[in-house]
Amino acid sequence: MRTNFDALLMLSIVASVLFASASVGYYHLVYLPHRDAQLDIERAVERERVDAEKQAEREKAEAEKREEQERVLGERRRAEAEKRAEQERQLADRLASEVLCVPKTSSVLIA
């Protein structure tokens, strides 16, 4: 009876060692590589998301810069147009005053 008990005890020890080593093997050969692959995918997705956010921020900054440049250019053109209009008004006023100041005797000399 003792030999049967010893054999049964030895068999249960061997089975428990095999079960433990199978668990460790599964953890290292199946679970960890799958988890690492999943983490790599998640990191890649996160990196792409961050890159997309940075690109969107750059595009937004460039658009704002372009709008500011267009606004400044528009203001400059408006100021130049107003300046030209003022110069034309001054020239027209000067010409009108010169025409009004021409003596009437000059028409007699021509005739």
N, C-alpha and C. Protein backbone atom coordinates (compact mmCIF):
# COMPACT_ATOMS: atom_id res chain seq x y z
N MET A 1 0.82 -1.18 0.00
CA MET A 1 0.00 0.00 0.00
C MET A 1 0.88 1.26 0.00
N ARG A 2 1.99 1.17 0.70
CA ARG A 2 2.88 2.30 0.79
C ARG A 2 3.45 2.64 -0.58
N THR A 3 3.76 1.67 -1.38
CA THR A 3 4.30 1.93 -2.71
C THR A 3 3.25 2.59 -3.60
N ASN A 4 2.01 2.18 -3.48
CA ASN A 4 0.94 2.82 -4.24
C ASN A 4 0.77 4.29 -3.81
N PHE A 5 0.87 4.49 -2.50
CA PHE A 5 0.76 5.85 -1.99
C PHE A 5 1.96 6.70 -2.44
N ASP A 6 3.14 6.14 -2.41
CA ASP A 6 4.33 6.86 -2.87
C ASP A 6 4.24 7.16 -4.36
N ALA A 7 3.78 6.21 -5.11
CA ALA A 7 3.65 6.41 -6.56
C ALA A 7 2.60 7.49 -6.84
N LEU A 8 1.50 7.44 -6.10
CA LEU A 8 0.46 8.45 -6.28
C LEU A 8 0.98 9.83 -5.88
N LEU A 9 1.72 9.89 -4.79
CA LEU A 9 2.30 11.16 -4.37
C LEU A 9 3.30 11.67 -5.40
N MET A 10 4.16 10.79 -5.91
CA MET A 10 5.12 11.16 -6.93
C MET A 10 4.40 11.64 -8.20
N LEU A 11 3.36 10.97 -8.59
CA LEU A 11 2.60 11.33 -9.78
C LEU A 11 1.93 12.68 -9.59
N SER A 12 1.40 12.96 -8.42
CA SER A 12 0.76 14.25 -8.18
C SER A 12 1.79 15.37 -8.15
N ILE A 13 2.99 15.10 -7.62
CA ILE A 13 4.06 16.11 -7.64
C ILE A 13 4.47 16.40 -9.07
N VAL A 14 4.66 15.38 -9.84
CA VAL A 14 5.05 15.55 -11.26
C VAL A 14 3.95 16.32 -12.00
N ALA A 15 2.70 15.99 -11.76
CA ALA A 15 1.59 16.67 -12.43
C ALA A 15 1.54 18.14 -12.03
N SER A 16 1.76 18.43 -10.76
CA SER A 16 1.72 19.83 -10.32
C SER A 16 2.91 20.61 -10.89
N VAL A 17 4.09 19.99 -10.98
CA VAL A 17 5.25 20.65 -11.60
C VAL A 17 4.98 20.89 -13.08
N LEU A 18 4.41 19.91 -13.77
CA LEU A 18 4.07 20.08 -15.19
C LEU A 18 3.02 21.18 -15.37
N PHE A 19 2.04 21.22 -14.50
CA PHE A 19 1.01 22.25 -14.59
C PHE A 19 1.61 23.64 -14.37
N ALA A 20 2.49 23.75 -13.36
CA ALA A 20 3.12 25.03 -13.08
C ALA A 20 4.02 25.46 -14.23
N SER A 21 4.79 24.53 -14.77
CA SER A 21 5.67 24.89 -15.89
C SER A 21 4.85 25.22 -17.14
N ALA A 22 3.72 24.55 -17.32
CA ALA A 22 2.85 24.87 -18.46
C ALA A 22 2.28 26.28 -18.30
N SER A 23 1.91 26.64 -17.07
CA SER A 23 1.39 27.98 -16.81
C SER A 23 2.45 29.04 -17.09
N VAL A 24 3.67 28.79 -16.61
CA VAL A 24 4.77 29.73 -16.85
C VAL A 24 5.08 29.80 -18.34
N GLY A 25 5.09 28.67 -18.99
CA GLY A 25 5.34 28.64 -20.44
C GLY A 25 4.28 29.40 -21.21
N TYR A 26 3.01 29.19 -20.85
CA TYR A 26 1.94 29.93 -21.52
C TYR A 26 2.11 31.42 -21.30
N TYR A 27 2.45 31.83 -20.08
CA TYR A 27 2.61 33.25 -19.77
C TYR A 27 3.71 33.87 -20.63
N HIS A 28 4.84 33.18 -20.71
CA HIS A 28 5.98 33.74 -21.43
C HIS A 28 5.89 33.54 -22.94
N LEU A 29 5.28 32.48 -23.41
CA LEU A 29 5.25 32.19 -24.84
C LEU A 29 4.01 32.70 -25.56
N VAL A 30 2.91 32.88 -24.84
CA VAL A 30 1.66 33.30 -25.49
C VAL A 30 1.19 34.66 -24.99
N TYR A 31 1.01 34.79 -23.68
CA TYR A 31 0.41 35.99 -23.13
C TYR A 31 1.30 37.23 -23.29
N LEU A 32 2.55 37.16 -22.89
CA LEU A 32 3.43 38.33 -22.98
C LEU A 32 3.64 38.82 -24.41
N PRO A 33 3.92 37.95 -25.38
CA PRO A 33 4.06 38.45 -26.76
C PRO A 33 2.77 39.10 -27.28
N HIS A 34 1.62 38.52 -26.93
CA HIS A 34 0.35 39.10 -27.36
C HIS A 34 0.14 40.46 -26.71
N ARG A 35 0.45 40.55 -25.41
CA ARG A 35 0.31 41.83 -24.70
C ARG A 35 1.28 42.87 -25.26
N ASP A 36 2.50 42.48 -25.53
CA ASP A 36 3.48 43.41 -26.09
C ASP A 36 3.05 43.90 -27.47
N ALA A 37 2.51 42.99 -28.28
CA ALA A 37 2.02 43.40 -29.60
C ALA A 37 0.87 44.38 -29.46
N GLN A 38 -0.03 44.12 -28.52
CA GLN A 38 -1.15 45.02 -28.29
C GLN A 38 -0.66 46.38 -27.81
N LEU A 39 0.32 46.39 -26.90
CA LEU A 39 0.88 47.66 -26.42
C LEU A 39 1.57 48.42 -27.55
N ASP A 40 2.27 47.69 -28.43
CA ASP A 40 2.91 48.34 -29.58
C ASP A 40 1.88 49.00 -30.47
N ILE A 41 0.76 48.31 -30.69
CA ILE A 41 -0.31 48.87 -31.52
C ILE A 41 -0.89 50.11 -30.86
N GLU A 42 -1.14 50.03 -29.56
CA GLU A 42 -1.69 51.18 -28.83
C GLU A 42 -0.72 52.37 -28.86
N ARG A 43 0.57 52.09 -28.70
CA ARG A 43 1.57 53.17 -28.77
C ARG A 43 1.60 53.80 -30.16
N ALA A 44 1.52 52.97 -31.18
CA ALA A 44 1.53 53.50 -32.55
C ALA A 44 0.30 54.37 -32.79
N VAL A 45 -0.85 53.92 -32.32
CA VAL A 45 -2.08 54.70 -32.48
C VAL A 45 -1.96 56.02 -31.72
N GLU A 46 -1.43 55.97 -30.52
CA GLU A 46 -1.25 57.19 -29.72
C GLU A 46 -0.27 58.14 -30.40
N ARG A 47 0.81 57.59 -30.94
CA ARG A 47 1.80 58.42 -31.63
C ARG A 47 1.18 59.08 -32.86
N GLU A 48 0.38 58.32 -33.61
CA GLU A 48 -0.31 58.89 -34.77
C GLU A 48 -1.29 59.99 -34.35
N ARG A 49 -1.99 59.78 -33.24
CA ARG A 49 -2.93 60.78 -32.75
C ARG A 49 -2.19 62.06 -32.36
N VAL A 50 -1.07 61.89 -31.65
CA VAL A 50 -0.28 63.06 -31.24
C VAL A 50 0.27 63.78 -32.47
N ASP A 51 0.76 63.01 -33.44
CA ASP A 51 1.28 63.62 -34.67
C ASP A 51 0.18 64.36 -35.42
N ALA A 52 -1.02 63.78 -35.45
CA ALA A 52 -2.14 64.44 -36.12
C ALA A 52 -2.52 65.73 -35.40
N GLU A 53 -2.49 65.72 -34.06
CA GLU A 53 -2.78 66.93 -33.30
C GLU A 53 -1.74 68.01 -33.57
N LYS A 54 -0.47 67.61 -33.59
CA LYS A 54 0.60 68.58 -33.87
C LYS A 54 0.45 69.16 -35.27
N GLN A 55 0.12 68.31 -36.24
CA GLN A 55 -0.07 68.77 -37.61
C GLN A 55 -1.25 69.74 -37.69
N ALA A 56 -2.33 69.42 -36.97
CA ALA A 56 -3.49 70.31 -36.97
C ALA A 56 -3.13 71.65 -36.33
N GLU A 57 -2.35 71.61 -35.25
CA GLU A 57 -1.92 72.86 -34.61
C GLU A 57 -1.04 73.69 -35.54
N ARG A 58 -0.12 73.00 -36.27
CA ARG A 58 0.73 73.72 -37.22
C ARG A 58 -0.09 74.36 -38.32
N GLU A 59 -1.05 73.58 -38.86
CA GLU A 59 -1.90 74.12 -39.93
C GLU A 59 -2.73 75.30 -39.43
N LYS A 60 -3.23 75.19 -38.20
CA LYS A 60 -4.02 76.29 -37.63
C LYS A 60 -3.15 77.52 -37.46
N ALA A 61 -1.92 77.33 -36.96
CA ALA A 61 -1.01 78.47 -36.78
C ALA A 61 -0.65 79.10 -38.13
N GLU A 62 -0.43 78.27 -39.13
CA GLU A 62 -0.12 78.79 -40.47
C GLU A 62 -1.31 79.56 -41.03
N ALA A 63 -2.51 79.03 -40.83
CA ALA A 63 -3.71 79.72 -41.31
C ALA A 63 -3.89 81.06 -40.61
N GLU A 64 -3.67 81.08 -39.30
CA GLU A 64 -3.77 82.34 -38.56
C GLU A 64 -2.72 83.33 -39.03
N LYS A 65 -1.53 82.84 -39.30
CA LYS A 65 -0.45 83.71 -39.78
C LYS A 65 -0.81 84.27 -41.15
N ARG A 66 -1.34 83.40 -42.03
CA ARG A 66 -1.77 83.86 -43.35
C ARG A 66 -2.87 84.91 -43.25
N GLU A 67 -3.84 84.66 -42.37
CA GLU A 67 -4.94 85.62 -42.19
C GLU A 67 -4.40 86.96 -41.69
N GLU A 68 -3.46 86.91 -40.76
CA GLU A 68 -2.87 88.14 -40.22
C GLU A 68 -2.12 88.88 -41.32
N GLN A 69 -1.37 88.14 -42.13
CA GLN A 69 -0.64 88.78 -43.23
C GLN A 69 -1.61 89.41 -44.23
N GLU A 70 -2.70 88.70 -44.53
CA GLU A 70 -3.70 89.25 -45.46
C GLU A 70 -4.36 90.49 -44.86
N ARG A 71 -4.63 90.45 -43.56
CA ARG A 71 -5.24 91.60 -42.90
C ARG A 71 -4.31 92.80 -42.96
N VAL A 72 -3.03 92.58 -42.64
CA VAL A 72 -2.06 93.67 -42.66
C VAL A 72 -1.91 94.20 -44.09
N LEU A 73 -1.85 93.30 -45.05
CA LEU A 73 -1.73 93.72 -46.45
C LEU A 73 -2.96 94.52 -46.88
N GLY A 74 -4.14 94.07 -46.46
CA GLY A 74 -5.38 94.80 -46.78
C GLY A 74 -5.38 96.18 -46.16
N GLU A 75 -4.95 96.26 -44.90
CA GLU A 75 -4.88 97.58 -44.24
C GLU A 75 -3.88 98.49 -44.95
N ARG A 76 -2.75 97.92 -45.36
CA ARG A 76 -1.74 98.71 -46.05
C ARG A 76 -2.29 99.22 -47.40
N ARG A 77 -2.97 98.33 -48.12
CA ARG A 77 -3.55 98.74 -49.42
C ARG A 77 -4.61 99.81 -49.21
N ARG A 78 -5.43 99.65 -48.16
CA ARG A 78 -6.47 100.62 -47.87
C ARG A 78 -5.83 101.98 -47.54
N ALA A 79 -4.78 101.96 -46.75
CA ALA A 79 -4.09 103.20 -46.37
C ALA A 79 -3.47 103.85 -47.61
N GLU A 80 -2.88 103.04 -48.48
CA GLU A 80 -2.30 103.60 -49.71
C GLU A 80 -3.38 104.20 -50.60
N ALA A 81 -4.53 103.52 -50.70
CA ALA A 81 -5.62 104.03 -51.52
C ALA A 81 -6.15 105.34 -50.95
N GLU A 82 -6.27 105.40 -49.61
CA GLU A 82 -6.73 106.64 -48.98
C GLU A 82 -5.72 107.76 -49.21
N LYS A 83 -4.45 107.43 -49.13
CA LYS A 83 -3.40 108.43 -49.34
C LYS A 83 -3.45 108.94 -50.78
N ARG A 84 -3.59 108.03 -51.74
CA ARG A 84 -3.70 108.45 -53.15
C ARG A 84 -4.93 109.31 -53.37
N ALA A 85 -6.05 108.92 -52.78
CA ALA A 85 -7.28 109.69 -52.93
C ALA A 85 -7.10 111.09 -52.34
N GLU A 86 -6.43 111.17 -51.18
CA GLU A 86 -6.18 112.49 -50.57
C GLU A 86 -5.26 113.32 -51.46
N GLN A 87 -4.24 112.69 -52.03
CA GLN A 87 -3.34 113.42 -52.93
C GLN A 87 -4.09 113.91 -54.17
N GLU A 88 -4.98 113.07 -54.70
CA GLU A 88 -5.76 113.46 -55.86
C GLU A 88 -6.70 114.62 -55.51
N ARG A 89 -7.30 114.57 -54.31
CA ARG A 89 -8.17 115.67 -53.89
C ARG A 89 -7.38 116.98 -53.75
N GLN A 90 -6.19 116.84 -53.12
CA GLN A 90 -5.36 118.04 -52.98
C GLN A 90 -4.94 118.58 -54.34
N LEU A 91 -4.58 117.71 -55.26
CA LEU A 91 -4.21 118.15 -56.60
C LEU A 91 -5.39 118.80 -57.30
N ALA A 92 -6.57 118.20 -57.16
CA ALA A 92 -7.76 118.77 -57.79
C ALA A 92 -8.08 120.13 -57.17
N ASP A 93 -7.94 120.24 -55.85
CA ASP A 93 -8.19 121.53 -55.19
C ASP A 93 -7.18 122.57 -55.67
N ARG A 94 -5.92 122.17 -55.78
CA ARG A 94 -4.89 123.10 -56.23
C ARG A 94 -5.14 123.54 -57.67
N LEU A 95 -5.51 122.60 -58.52
CA LEU A 95 -5.80 122.95 -59.91
C LEU A 95 -7.02 123.85 -60.01
N ALA A 96 -8.02 123.56 -59.19
CA ALA A 96 -9.23 124.38 -59.21
C ALA A 96 -8.91 125.79 -58.74
N SER A 97 -8.07 125.90 -57.71
CA SER A 97 -7.73 127.24 -57.22
C SER A 97 -6.87 127.99 -58.24
N GLU A 98 -6.00 127.27 -58.95
CA GLU A 98 -5.18 127.92 -59.97
C GLU A 98 -6.04 128.37 -61.15
N VAL A 99 -7.01 127.57 -61.52
CA VAL A 99 -7.89 127.94 -62.63
C VAL A 99 -8.70 129.16 -62.24
N LEU A 100 -9.14 129.21 -60.98
CA LEU A 100 -9.93 130.36 -60.54
C LEU A 100 -9.06 131.61 -60.39
N CYS A 101 -7.78 131.44 -60.18
CA CYS A 101 -6.88 132.58 -59.98
C CYS A 101 -6.29 133.10 -61.29
N VAL A 102 -6.55 132.49 -62.37
CA VAL A 102 -5.99 132.96 -63.65
C VAL A 102 -6.65 134.29 -64.00
N PRO A 103 -5.85 135.31 -64.28
CA PRO A 103 -6.44 136.61 -64.63
C PRO A 103 -7.15 136.55 -65.99
N LYS A 104 -8.19 137.37 -66.15
CA LYS A 104 -8.97 137.35 -67.37
C LYS A 104 -8.24 138.06 -68.51
N THR A 105 -7.22 138.75 -68.20
CA THR A 105 -6.47 139.45 -69.25
C THR A 105 -5.70 138.49 -70.11
N SER A 106 -5.43 137.33 -69.63
CA SER A 106 -4.67 136.37 -70.42
C SER A 106 -5.46 135.93 -71.63
N SER A 107 -6.79 135.91 -71.51
CA SER A 107 -7.57 135.53 -72.68
C SER A 107 -7.52 136.62 -73.73
N VAL A 108 -7.29 137.85 -73.34
CA VAL A 108 -7.20 138.97 -74.27
C VAL A 108 -5.89 138.88 -75.04
N LEU A 109 -4.86 138.47 -74.40
CA LEU A 109 -3.55 138.36 -75.04
C LEU A 109 -3.54 137.27 -76.09
N ILE A 110 -4.25 136.26 -75.88
CA ILE A 110 -4.28 135.16 -76.84
C ILE A 110 -5.05 135.58 -78.08
N ALA A 111 -6.06 136.32 -77.92
CA ALA A 111 -6.91 136.72 -79.03
C ALA A 111 -6.24 137.76 -79.81
